[in-house]
Amino acid sequence: PLNGPKWEVMRPSRNRRWGHPTMIALIEKLSRDAAADGWPGLLVGDISQPRGGPMLTGHASHQIGLDADIWLTPMPDRKLSLEQRENMSATLLVDEKTHLVKDALWAPEHTRLLKRAASYAEVERILVNPGIKKKLCDTVKGDRGWLRKVRPFWGHDYHFHIRIGCQPGSPKCKAQENTAPGDGCDQSLAWWFTEEPWRPNKNPDRPKARDLMTMASLPAACQAVLDGPDPASAEAVTYYGDGVPVAAAPVLTKAPSPARASASGAAALPATANAYAETPEIGIPLPRPRPGG
């Protein structure tokens, strides 16, 4: 649903608030636990499209419901209107020139939120901006084991990216490699504060983006989903969050979003889907749109 006791979905016209049941349950659990830690509530960004698959804009991952973006801006103490959710900019926590966190904007609550997200066994990785990773490395005391899951990556200066592992009943899902031993506060992090990562056109060693997903390269199981009948409308869905039925909010009556268009069949996508590689250790970013966009 668009709203919960401790969360609100941002950019709802994208229709990217769909995920594996384990991911949806995880976000709800994080919203409750983070509130107990002092975080007012989650502003939820992209998860996946209704039928998954490649998106016209924004991501190379987020295709199978195992990824979710959570804003690092706390939920306001008032309910946001749909217009505000479409246009409100997120808070950029990192200086684009120094790649360091803006100290005036960073709070202990940010650390507690990320630690809580990393505490769940289902979570394999949390992607953050290198500056945020450095801030954690410099300030976290005591238990630092959870920092291993927090990985630096391009972008992610206004949100963090949660990735869970392959789920039961998905025999063809391929697990990622394990993260490297240690807390990640080592030479691999120091590399991000050299000139090399930020000069992709001059650095042949920078990781290349994975092959862009095309409709022709979709797995047969995905193509079968796209070719199937339309799912029930959002208006007809009743969602049982925490065992309590909640009527789904109506879909916005705006121009079709890229997410909706791509879910309606192969002809709706171009030969190559736009890619923003958020997959760990690979990929190059496209120019960032409006914060939170």
C-alpha atoms as a PDB file:
ATOM      1  CA  PRO A   1       0.000   0.000   0.000  1.00  0.00           C
ATOM      2  CA  LEU A   2       1.000   3.612  -0.473  1.00  0.00           C
ATOM      3  CA  ASN A   3       0.764   4.296   3.253  1.00  0.00           C
ATOM      4  CA  GLY A   4       1.541   2.453   6.434  1.00  0.00           C
ATOM      5  CA  PRO A   5       1.849   3.329  10.102  1.00  0.00           C
ATOM      6  CA  LYS A   6       5.524   4.161   9.631  1.00  0.00           C
ATOM      7  CA  TRP A   7       6.082   4.442   5.877  1.00  0.00           C
ATOM      8  CA  GLU A   8       4.983   6.341   2.786  1.00  0.00           C
ATOM      9  CA  VAL A   9       5.721   5.439  -0.839  1.00  0.00           C
ATOM     10  CA  MET A  10       7.446   8.146  -2.866  1.00  0.00           C
ATOM     11  CA  ARG A  11       7.055   8.759  -6.628  1.00  0.00           C
ATOM     12  CA  PRO A  12       3.862   6.655  -6.679  1.00  0.00           C
ATOM     13  CA  SER A  13       3.130   7.311 -10.360  1.00  0.00           C
ATOM     14  CA  ARG A  14       6.110   5.105 -11.228  1.00  0.00           C
ATOM     15  CA  ASN A  15       4.205   2.094  -9.872  1.00  0.00           C
ATOM     16  CA  ARG A  16       7.423   0.536  -8.607  1.00  0.00           C
ATOM     17  CA  ARG A  17       6.207  -0.462  -5.147  1.00  0.00           C
ATOM     18  CA  TRP A  18       6.038  -4.185  -5.872  1.00  0.00           C
ATOM     19  CA  GLY A  19       8.393  -6.778  -4.460  1.00  0.00           C
ATOM     20  CA  HIS A  20       8.886 -10.329  -3.274  1.00  0.00           C
ATOM     21  CA  PRO A  21       6.752 -10.967  -0.163  1.00  0.00           C
ATOM     22  CA  THR A  22       9.932 -11.332   1.876  1.00  0.00           C
ATOM     23  CA  MET A  23      11.087  -7.877   0.771  1.00  0.00           C
ATOM     24  CA  ILE A  24       7.734  -6.255   1.500  1.00  0.00           C
ATOM     25  CA  ALA A  25       7.662  -7.842   4.947  1.00  0.00           C
ATOM     26  CA  LEU A  26      11.236  -6.696   5.548  1.00  0.00           C
ATOM     27  CA  ILE A  27      10.417  -3.074   4.724  1.00  0.00           C
ATOM     28  CA  GLU A  28       7.444  -3.159   7.090  1.00  0.00           C
ATOM     29  CA  LYS A  29       9.601  -4.696   9.829  1.00  0.00           C
ATOM     30  CA  LEU A  30      12.319  -2.101   9.278  1.00  0.00           C
ATOM     31  CA  SER A  31       9.751   0.692   9.519  1.00  0.00           C
ATOM     32  CA  ARG A  32       8.619  -0.557  12.933  1.00  0.00           C
ATOM     33  CA  ASP A  33      12.075  -1.316  14.296  1.00  0.00           C
ATOM     34  CA  ALA A  34      13.548   1.952  13.021  1.00  0.00           C
ATOM     35  CA  ALA A  35      10.714   3.857  14.694  1.00  0.00           C
ATOM     36  CA  ALA A  36      11.666   2.193  17.969  1.00  0.00           C
ATOM     37  CA  ASP A  37      15.227   3.399  17.337  1.00  0.00           C
ATOM     38  CA  GLY A  38      14.061   6.995  16.889  1.00  0.00           C
ATOM     39  CA  TRP A  39      13.573   7.203  13.090  1.00  0.00           C
ATOM     40  CA  PRO A  40      10.189   8.873  12.345  1.00  0.00           C
ATOM     41  CA  GLY A  41       9.284   6.606   9.434  1.00  0.00           C
ATOM     42  CA  LEU A  42      10.465   5.368   6.051  1.00  0.00           C
ATOM     43  CA  LEU A  43      10.099   7.149   2.726  1.00  0.00           C
ATOM     44  CA  VAL A  44      10.136   4.198   0.347  1.00  0.00           C
ATOM     45  CA  GLY A  45      11.599   4.638  -3.130  1.00  0.00           C
ATOM     46  CA  ASP A  46      11.716   2.132  -5.970  1.00  0.00           C
ATOM     47  CA  ILE A  47      11.276  -1.563  -5.312  1.00  0.00           C
ATOM     48  CA  SER A  48      10.207  -3.263  -8.569  1.00  0.00           C
ATOM     49  CA  GLN A  49       7.510  -3.134 -11.230  1.00  0.00           C
ATOM     50  CA  PRO A  50       4.314  -5.207 -10.991  1.00  0.00           C
ATOM     51  CA  ARG A  51       5.800  -7.888 -13.248  1.00  0.00           C
ATOM     52  CA  GLY A  52       9.427  -7.098 -12.620  1.00  0.00           C
ATOM     53  CA  GLY A  53      11.795  -6.898 -15.543  1.00  0.00           C
ATOM     54  CA  PRO A  54      13.895  -4.068 -16.966  1.00  0.00           C
ATOM     55  CA  MET A  55      12.799  -0.459 -16.525  1.00  0.00           C
ATOM     56  CA  LEU A  56      12.869   2.292 -19.095  1.00  0.00           C
ATOM     57  CA  THR A  57      14.601   4.601 -16.605  1.00  0.00           C
ATOM     58  CA  GLY A  58      16.553   4.433 -13.422  1.00  0.00           C
ATOM     59  CA  HIS A  59      17.929   0.988 -12.689  1.00  0.00           C
ATOM     60  CA  ALA A  60      19.652  -2.087 -14.038  1.00  0.00           C
ATOM     61  CA  SER A  61      18.783  -3.970 -10.868  1.00  0.00           C
ATOM     62  CA  HIS A  62      15.379  -3.868  -9.106  1.00  0.00           C
ATOM     63  CA  GLN A  63      14.132  -6.409 -11.657  1.00  0.00           C
ATOM     64  CA  ILE A  64      13.061  -9.374  -9.532  1.00  0.00           C
ATOM     65  CA  GLY A  65      11.659  -7.875  -6.360  1.00  0.00           C
ATOM     66  CA  LEU A  66      14.746  -8.432  -4.191  1.00  0.00           C
ATOM     67  CA  ASP A  67      15.948  -4.795  -4.140  1.00  0.00           C
ATOM     68  CA  ALA A  68      14.495  -1.703  -2.491  1.00  0.00           C
ATOM     69  CA  ASP A  69      15.534   1.928  -2.094  1.00  0.00           C
ATOM     70  CA  ILE A  70      14.889   3.739   1.190  1.00  0.00           C
ATOM     71  CA  TRP A  71      15.375   7.481   1.400  1.00  0.00           C
ATOM     72  CA  LEU A  72      17.738   8.865   4.008  1.00  0.00           C
ATOM     73  CA  THR A  73      15.247  11.682   4.541  1.00  0.00           C
ATOM     74  CA  PRO A  74      13.010  10.944   7.560  1.00  0.00           C
ATOM     75  CA  MET A  75       9.279  10.787   7.038  1.00  0.00           C
ATOM     76  CA  PRO A  76       7.651  14.134   7.947  1.00  0.00           C
ATOM     77  CA  ASP A  77       5.250  14.311  10.874  1.00  0.00           C
ATOM     78  CA  ARG A  78       2.384  14.981   8.478  1.00  0.00           C
ATOM     79  CA  LYS A  79       0.954  12.847   5.704  1.00  0.00           C
ATOM     80  CA  LEU A  80       2.382  13.878   2.357  1.00  0.00           C
ATOM     81  CA  SER A  81       0.006  14.551  -0.507  1.00  0.00           C
ATOM     82  CA  LEU A  82       0.433  12.653  -3.771  1.00  0.00           C
ATOM     83  CA  GLU A  83       1.723  15.836  -5.375  1.00  0.00           C
ATOM     84  CA  GLN A  84       4.336  16.239  -2.654  1.00  0.00           C
ATOM     85  CA  ARG A  85       5.432  12.647  -3.078  1.00  0.00           C
ATOM     86  CA  GLU A  86       5.920  13.217  -6.776  1.00  0.00           C
ATOM     87  CA  ASN A  87       7.890  16.459  -6.453  1.00  0.00           C
ATOM     88  CA  MET A  88       9.530  16.594  -3.041  1.00  0.00           C
ATOM     89  CA  SER A  89      13.311  16.397  -3.326  1.00  0.00           C
ATOM     90  CA  ALA A  90      15.298  14.136  -1.070  1.00  0.00           C
ATOM     91  CA  THR A  91      18.139  15.508   1.041  1.00  0.00           C
ATOM     92  CA  LEU A  92      21.565  15.042  -0.524  1.00  0.00           C
ATOM     93  CA  LEU A  93      23.871  14.037   2.314  1.00  0.00           C
ATOM     94  CA  VAL A  94      27.144  14.020   0.370  1.00  0.00           C
ATOM     95  CA  ASP A  95      29.181  16.887  -1.096  1.00  0.00           C
ATOM     96  CA  GLU A  96      29.573  16.185  -4.808  1.00  0.00           C
ATOM     97  CA  LYS A  97      33.037  17.737  -4.930  1.00  0.00           C
ATOM     98  CA  THR A  98      34.668  16.230  -1.857  1.00  0.00           C
ATOM     99  CA  HIS A  99      32.591  13.016  -1.807  1.00  0.00           C
ATOM    100  CA  LEU A 100      32.317  13.449   1.959  1.00  0.00           C
ATOM    101  CA  VAL A 101      29.199  13.554   4.090  1.00  0.00           C
ATOM    102  CA  LYS A 102      27.853  16.986   4.938  1.00  0.00           C
ATOM    103  CA  ASP A 103      28.331  16.927   8.690  1.00  0.00           C
ATOM    104  CA  ALA A 104      25.565  19.429   9.324  1.00  0.00           C
ATOM    105  CA  LEU A 105      23.049  16.998   7.815  1.00  0.00           C
ATOM    106  CA  TRP A 106      24.292  13.738   9.318  1.00  0.00           C
ATOM    107  CA  ALA A 107      22.745  12.514  12.559  1.00  0.00           C
ATOM    108  CA  PRO A 108      23.187   9.483  14.818  1.00  0.00           C
ATOM    109  CA  GLU A 109      19.741   8.380  13.665  1.00  0.00           C
ATOM    110  CA  HIS A 110      21.143   7.736  10.191  1.00  0.00           C
ATOM    111  CA  THR A 111      23.680   5.333  11.645  1.00  0.00           C
ATOM    112  CA  ARG A 112      21.045   3.553  13.717  1.00  0.00           C
ATOM    113  CA  LEU A 113      18.786   3.184  10.667  1.00  0.00           C
ATOM    114  CA  LEU A 114      21.538   1.595   8.572  1.00  0.00           C
ATOM    115  CA  LYS A 115      22.638  -0.646  11.430  1.00  0.00           C
ATOM    116  CA  ARG A 116      19.093  -1.845  11.920  1.00  0.00           C
ATOM    117  CA  ALA A 117      18.704  -2.605   8.207  1.00  0.00           C
ATOM    118  CA  ALA A 118      21.980  -4.538   8.197  1.00  0.00           C
ATOM    119  CA  SER A 119      20.936  -6.538  11.257  1.00  0.00           C
ATOM    120  CA  TYR A 120      18.437  -8.675   9.380  1.00  0.00           C
ATOM    121  CA  ALA A 121      19.623 -12.075   8.203  1.00  0.00           C
ATOM    122  CA  GLU A 122      17.711 -11.666   4.937  1.00  0.00           C
ATOM    123  CA  VAL A 123      19.769  -8.620   3.946  1.00  0.00           C
ATOM    124  CA  GLU A 124      22.916  -9.453   1.984  1.00  0.00           C
ATOM    125  CA  ARG A 125      24.026  -5.964   0.987  1.00  0.00           C
ATOM    126  CA  ILE A 126      23.274  -2.349   1.654  1.00  0.00           C
ATOM    127  CA  LEU A 127      24.604   0.058  -0.966  1.00  0.00           C
ATOM    128  CA  VAL A 128      25.484   3.594   0.114  1.00  0.00           C
ATOM    129  CA  ASN A 129      27.525   6.459  -1.257  1.00  0.00           C
ATOM    130  CA  PRO A 130      31.269   6.065  -0.525  1.00  0.00           C
ATOM    131  CA  GLY A 131      31.099   9.189   1.633  1.00  0.00           C
ATOM    132  CA  ILE A 132      28.440   7.594   3.811  1.00  0.00           C
ATOM    133  CA  LYS A 133      30.484   4.426   4.128  1.00  0.00           C
ATOM    134  CA  LYS A 134      33.471   6.519   5.205  1.00  0.00           C
ATOM    135  CA  LYS A 135      31.380   8.377   7.761  1.00  0.00           C
ATOM    136  CA  LEU A 136      30.328   5.062   9.262  1.00  0.00           C
ATOM    137  CA  CYS A 137      33.903   3.777   9.267  1.00  0.00           C
ATOM    138  CA  ASP A 138      35.070   6.914  11.052  1.00  0.00           C
ATOM    139  CA  THR A 139      32.351   7.070  13.686  1.00  0.00           C
ATOM    140  CA  VAL A 140      30.975   3.612  14.510  1.00  0.00           C
ATOM    141  CA  LYS A 141      32.314   2.312  17.814  1.00  0.00           C
ATOM    142  CA  GLY A 142      31.969  -1.070  19.461  1.00  0.00           C
ATOM    143  CA  ASP A 143      30.212  -3.612  17.251  1.00  0.00           C
ATOM    144  CA  ARG A 144      31.396  -3.020  13.692  1.00  0.00           C
ATOM    145  CA  GLY A 145      30.581  -6.398  12.215  1.00  0.00           C
ATOM    146  CA  TRP A 146      27.472  -5.074  10.484  1.00  0.00           C
ATOM    147  CA  LEU A 147      29.592  -2.679   8.416  1.00  0.00           C
ATOM    148  CA  ARG A 148      30.601  -5.635   6.246  1.00  0.00           C
ATOM    149  CA  LYS A 149      27.193  -5.569   4.588  1.00  0.00           C
ATOM    150  CA  VAL A 150      27.375  -1.840   3.863  1.00  0.00           C
ATOM    151  CA  ARG A 151      29.101  -1.411   0.505  1.00  0.00           C
ATOM    152  CA  PRO A 152      30.166   1.836  -1.227  1.00  0.00           C
ATOM    153  CA  PHE A 153      28.800   2.491  -4.681  1.00  0.00           C
ATOM    154  CA  TRP A 154      28.221   5.343  -7.123  1.00  0.00           C
ATOM    155  CA  GLY A 155      25.150   7.452  -6.438  1.00  0.00           C
ATOM    156  CA  HIS A 156      23.199   6.568  -3.300  1.00  0.00           C
ATOM    157  CA  ASP A 157      23.782   9.978  -1.751  1.00  0.00           C
ATOM    158  CA  TYR A 158      20.142  10.486  -0.782  1.00  0.00           C
ATOM    159  CA  HIS A 159      19.008   6.888  -0.270  1.00  0.00           C
ATOM    160  CA  PHE A 160      20.323   3.456   0.571  1.00  0.00           C
ATOM    161  CA  HIS A 161      19.697   0.288  -1.371  1.00  0.00           C
ATOM    162  CA  ILE A 162      18.716  -2.943   0.376  1.00  0.00           C
ATOM    163  CA  ARG A 163      19.295  -6.261  -1.352  1.00  0.00           C
ATOM    164  CA  ILE A 164      18.068  -9.583  -0.025  1.00  0.00           C
ATOM    165  CA  GLY A 165      19.206 -13.002  -1.211  1.00  0.00           C
ATOM    166  CA  CYS A 166      17.567 -15.626  -3.377  1.00  0.00           C
ATOM    167  CA  GLN A 167      14.340 -16.875  -1.856  1.00  0.00           C
ATOM    168  CA  PRO A 168      12.945 -20.414  -1.488  1.00  0.00           C
ATOM    169  CA  GLY A 169      11.010 -21.534  -4.524  1.00  0.00           C
ATOM    170  CA  SER A 170      13.328 -19.721  -6.954  1.00  0.00           C
ATOM    171  CA  PRO A 171      15.679 -22.486  -8.125  1.00  0.00           C
ATOM    172  CA  LYS A 172      17.070 -20.447 -11.031  1.00  0.00           C
ATOM    173  CA  CYS A 173      17.969 -17.435  -8.910  1.00  0.00           C
ATOM    174  CA  LYS A 174      21.750 -17.038  -8.841  1.00  0.00           C
ATOM    175  CA  ALA A 175      23.292 -16.000  -5.547  1.00  0.00           C
ATOM    176  CA  GLN A 176      25.848 -13.204  -5.429  1.00  0.00           C
ATOM    177  CA  GLU A 177      29.374 -13.713  -4.224  1.00  0.00           C
ATOM    178  CA  ASN A 178      29.850 -13.137  -0.526  1.00  0.00           C
ATOM    179  CA  THR A 179      31.132  -9.773   0.583  1.00  0.00           C
ATOM    180  CA  ALA A 180      34.828  -9.610   1.419  1.00  0.00           C
ATOM    181  CA  PRO A 181      35.899 -10.329   5.010  1.00  0.00           C
ATOM    182  CA  GLY A 182      36.267  -7.401   7.376  1.00  0.00           C
ATOM    183  CA  ASP A 183      34.356  -4.177   7.839  1.00  0.00           C
ATOM    184  CA  GLY A 184      35.255  -2.731   4.436  1.00  0.00           C
ATOM    185  CA  CYS A 185      37.067   0.249   5.968  1.00  0.00           C
ATOM    186  CA  ASP A 186      40.274  -0.535   4.108  1.00  0.00           C
ATOM    187  CA  GLN A 187      42.055   0.135   0.841  1.00  0.00           C
ATOM    188  CA  SER A 188      38.950  -0.808  -1.117  1.00  0.00           C
ATOM    189  CA  LEU A 189      37.199   2.194   0.445  1.00  0.00           C
ATOM    190  CA  ALA A 190      40.213   4.483   0.071  1.00  0.00           C
ATOM    191  CA  TRP A 191      40.079   3.876  -3.698  1.00  0.00           C
ATOM    192  CA  TRP A 192      36.819   5.796  -3.848  1.00  0.00           C
ATOM    193  CA  PHE A 193      38.603   8.919  -2.630  1.00  0.00           C
ATOM    194  CA  THR A 194      41.133   8.947  -5.431  1.00  0.00           C
ATOM    195  CA  GLU A 195      40.505  10.427  -8.866  1.00  0.00           C
ATOM    196  CA  GLU A 196      40.149   7.046 -10.545  1.00  0.00           C
ATOM    197  CA  PRO A 197      36.511   6.207  -9.762  1.00  0.00           C
ATOM    198  CA  TRP A 198      35.280   9.573 -10.994  1.00  0.00           C
ATOM    199  CA  ARG A 199      36.969   9.530 -14.422  1.00  0.00           C
ATOM    200  CA  PRO A 200      35.250   6.644 -16.188  1.00  0.00           C
ATOM    201  CA  ASN A 201      36.177   7.786 -19.684  1.00  0.00           C
ATOM    202  CA  LYS A 202      39.874   7.856 -18.806  1.00  0.00           C
ATOM    203  CA  ASN A 203      40.077   4.817 -16.584  1.00  0.00           C
ATOM    204  CA  PRO A 204      39.981   1.481 -18.420  1.00  0.00           C
ATOM    205  CA  ASP A 205      40.076  -0.356 -15.089  1.00  0.00           C
ATOM    206  CA  ARG A 206      36.786   1.021 -13.876  1.00  0.00           C
ATOM    207  CA  PRO A 207      34.217  -1.803 -13.766  1.00  0.00           C
ATOM    208  CA  LYS A 208      32.057  -1.975 -16.839  1.00  0.00           C
ATOM    209  CA  ALA A 209      28.275  -2.048 -16.734  1.00  0.00           C
ATOM    210  CA  ARG A 210      26.803  -5.461 -17.235  1.00  0.00           C
ATOM    211  CA  ASP A 211      25.194  -6.218 -20.573  1.00  0.00           C
ATOM    212  CA  LEU A 212      22.058  -4.142 -20.890  1.00  0.00           C
ATOM    213  CA  MET A 213      18.915  -6.210 -20.590  1.00  0.00           C
ATOM    214  CA  THR A 214      16.897  -6.518 -23.800  1.00  0.00           C
ATOM    215  CA  MET A 215      13.492  -8.062 -24.296  1.00  0.00           C
ATOM    216  CA  ALA A 216      15.102 -10.798 -26.378  1.00  0.00           C
ATOM    217  CA  SER A 217      17.418 -11.773 -23.525  1.00  0.00           C
ATOM    218  CA  LEU A 218      14.731 -12.091 -20.859  1.00  0.00           C
ATOM    219  CA  PRO A 219      14.558 -15.559 -19.289  1.00  0.00           C
ATOM    220  CA  ALA A 220      11.685 -17.658 -20.600  1.00  0.00           C
ATOM    221  CA  ALA A 221       9.922 -17.523 -17.234  1.00  0.00           C
ATOM    222  CA  CYS A 222       9.944 -13.702 -17.332  1.00  0.00           C
ATOM    223  CA  GLN A 223       8.636 -13.603 -20.887  1.00  0.00           C
ATOM    224  CA  ALA A 224       5.795 -15.896 -19.866  1.00  0.00           C
ATOM    225  CA  VAL A 225       4.800 -13.415 -17.164  1.00  0.00           C
ATOM    226  CA  LEU A 226       4.834 -10.501 -19.604  1.00  0.00           C
ATOM    227  CA  ASP A 227       2.774 -12.466 -22.133  1.00  0.00           C
ATOM    228  CA  GLY A 228       0.181 -13.462 -19.540  1.00  0.00           C
ATOM    229  CA  PRO A 229      -3.108 -11.729 -18.784  1.00  0.00           C
ATOM    230  CA  ASP A 230      -3.109  -8.432 -16.945  1.00  0.00           C
ATOM    231  CA  PRO A 231      -3.038  -8.760 -13.156  1.00  0.00           C
ATOM    232  CA  ALA A 232      -5.855  -7.454 -11.004  1.00  0.00           C
ATOM    233  CA  SER A 233      -5.929  -3.685 -10.791  1.00  0.00           C
ATOM    234  CA  ALA A 234      -4.438  -2.007  -7.757  1.00  0.00           C
ATOM    235  CA  GLU A 235      -7.940  -0.872  -6.821  1.00  0.00           C
ATOM    236  CA  ALA A 236      -9.036  -4.493  -6.516  1.00  0.00           C
ATOM    237  CA  VAL A 237      -6.150  -5.571  -4.330  1.00  0.00           C
ATOM    238  CA  THR A 238      -6.567  -5.924  -0.596  1.00  0.00           C
ATOM    239  CA  TYR A 239      -3.245  -6.034   1.203  1.00  0.00           C
ATOM    240  CA  TYR A 240      -2.887  -7.830   4.506  1.00  0.00           C
ATOM    241  CA  GLY A 241      -0.126  -5.947   6.308  1.00  0.00           C
ATOM    242  CA  ASP A 242       0.552  -7.464   9.715  1.00  0.00           C
ATOM    243  CA  GLY A 243      -2.606  -9.531   9.274  1.00  0.00           C
ATOM    244  CA  VAL A 244      -4.850  -6.485   8.982  1.00  0.00           C
ATOM    245  CA  PRO A 245      -6.618  -5.868   5.645  1.00  0.00           C
ATOM    246  CA  VAL A 246      -5.833  -2.474   4.136  1.00  0.00           C
ATOM    247  CA  ALA A 247      -7.551  -1.325   0.956  1.00  0.00           C
ATOM    248  CA  ALA A 248      -5.041  -0.367  -1.703  1.00  0.00           C
ATOM    249  CA  ALA A 249      -4.892   3.276  -2.711  1.00  0.00           C
ATOM    250  CA  PRO A 250      -6.071   4.067  -6.246  1.00  0.00           C
ATOM    251  CA  VAL A 251      -3.557   4.378  -9.026  1.00  0.00           C
ATOM    252  CA  LEU A 252      -2.799   7.973  -9.974  1.00  0.00           C
ATOM    253  CA  THR A 253      -4.660   9.189 -13.012  1.00  0.00           C
ATOM    254  CA  LYS A 254      -1.600  10.513 -14.794  1.00  0.00           C
ATOM    255  CA  ALA A 255       0.096   9.709 -18.050  1.00  0.00           C
ATOM    256  CA  PRO A 256       1.287   6.072 -18.111  1.00  0.00           C
ATOM    257  CA  SER A 257       4.534   5.713 -16.229  1.00  0.00           C
ATOM    258  CA  PRO A 258       7.506   3.898 -17.749  1.00  0.00           C
ATOM    259  CA  ALA A 259       6.946   1.144 -15.208  1.00  0.00           C
ATOM    260  CA  ARG A 260       3.360   0.570 -16.337  1.00  0.00           C
ATOM    261  CA  ALA A 261       4.284   0.733 -19.982  1.00  0.00           C
ATOM    262  CA  SER A 262       7.075  -1.789 -19.630  1.00  0.00           C
ATOM    263  CA  ALA A 263       4.781  -4.191 -17.813  1.00  0.00           C
ATOM    264  CA  SER A 264       2.264  -4.268 -20.641  1.00  0.00           C
ATOM    265  CA  GLY A 265       4.340  -6.244 -23.090  1.00  0.00           C
ATOM    266  CA  ALA A 266       7.482  -6.526 -25.171  1.00  0.00           C
ATOM    267  CA  ALA A 267       6.457  -3.863 -27.649  1.00  0.00           C
ATOM    268  CA  ALA A 268       6.417  -1.250 -24.902  1.00  0.00           C
ATOM    269  CA  LEU A 269      10.145  -1.473 -24.284  1.00  0.00           C
ATOM    270  CA  PRO A 270      12.876  -0.262 -26.604  1.00  0.00           C
ATOM    271  CA  ALA A 271      15.417  -2.763 -27.877  1.00  0.00           C
ATOM    272  CA  THR A 272      17.621  -1.906 -24.918  1.00  0.00           C
ATOM    273  CA  ALA A 273      16.363  -0.821 -21.523  1.00  0.00           C
ATOM    274  CA  ASN A 274      17.955   2.167 -19.865  1.00  0.00           C
ATOM    275  CA  ALA A 275      20.443   0.979 -17.247  1.00  0.00           C
ATOM    276  CA  TYR A 276      21.719   2.423 -14.027  1.00  0.00           C
ATOM    277  CA  ALA A 277      23.948  -0.295 -12.630  1.00  0.00           C
ATOM    278  CA  GLU A 278      23.308  -0.556  -8.922  1.00  0.00           C
ATOM    279  CA  THR A 279      24.682  -4.072  -8.785  1.00  0.00           C
ATOM    280  CA  PRO A 280      27.679  -4.283  -6.439  1.00  0.00           C
ATOM    281  CA  GLU A 281      31.129  -4.094  -7.973  1.00  0.00           C
ATOM    282  CA  ILE A 282      29.855  -3.482 -11.526  1.00  0.00           C
ATOM    283  CA  GLY A 283      28.300  -0.683 -13.466  1.00  0.00           C
ATOM    284  CA  ILE A 284      28.554   2.992 -14.257  1.00  0.00           C
ATOM    285  CA  PRO A 285      26.016   5.644 -13.354  1.00  0.00           C
ATOM    286  CA  LEU A 286      23.969   7.800 -15.651  1.00  0.00           C
ATOM    287  CA  PRO A 287      23.545  11.485 -14.813  1.00  0.00           C
ATOM    288  CA  ARG A 288      21.424  11.699 -11.675  1.00  0.00           C
ATOM    289  CA  PRO A 289      17.949  13.223 -12.033  1.00  0.00           C
ATOM    290  CA  ARG A 290      16.289  15.409  -9.436  1.00  0.00           C
ATOM    291  CA  PRO A 291      17.102  14.094  -5.944  1.00  0.00           C
ATOM    292  CA  GLY A 292      14.612  11.391  -5.217  1.00  0.00           C
ATOM    293  CA  GLY A 293      13.707  11.268  -8.894  1.00  0.00           C
END
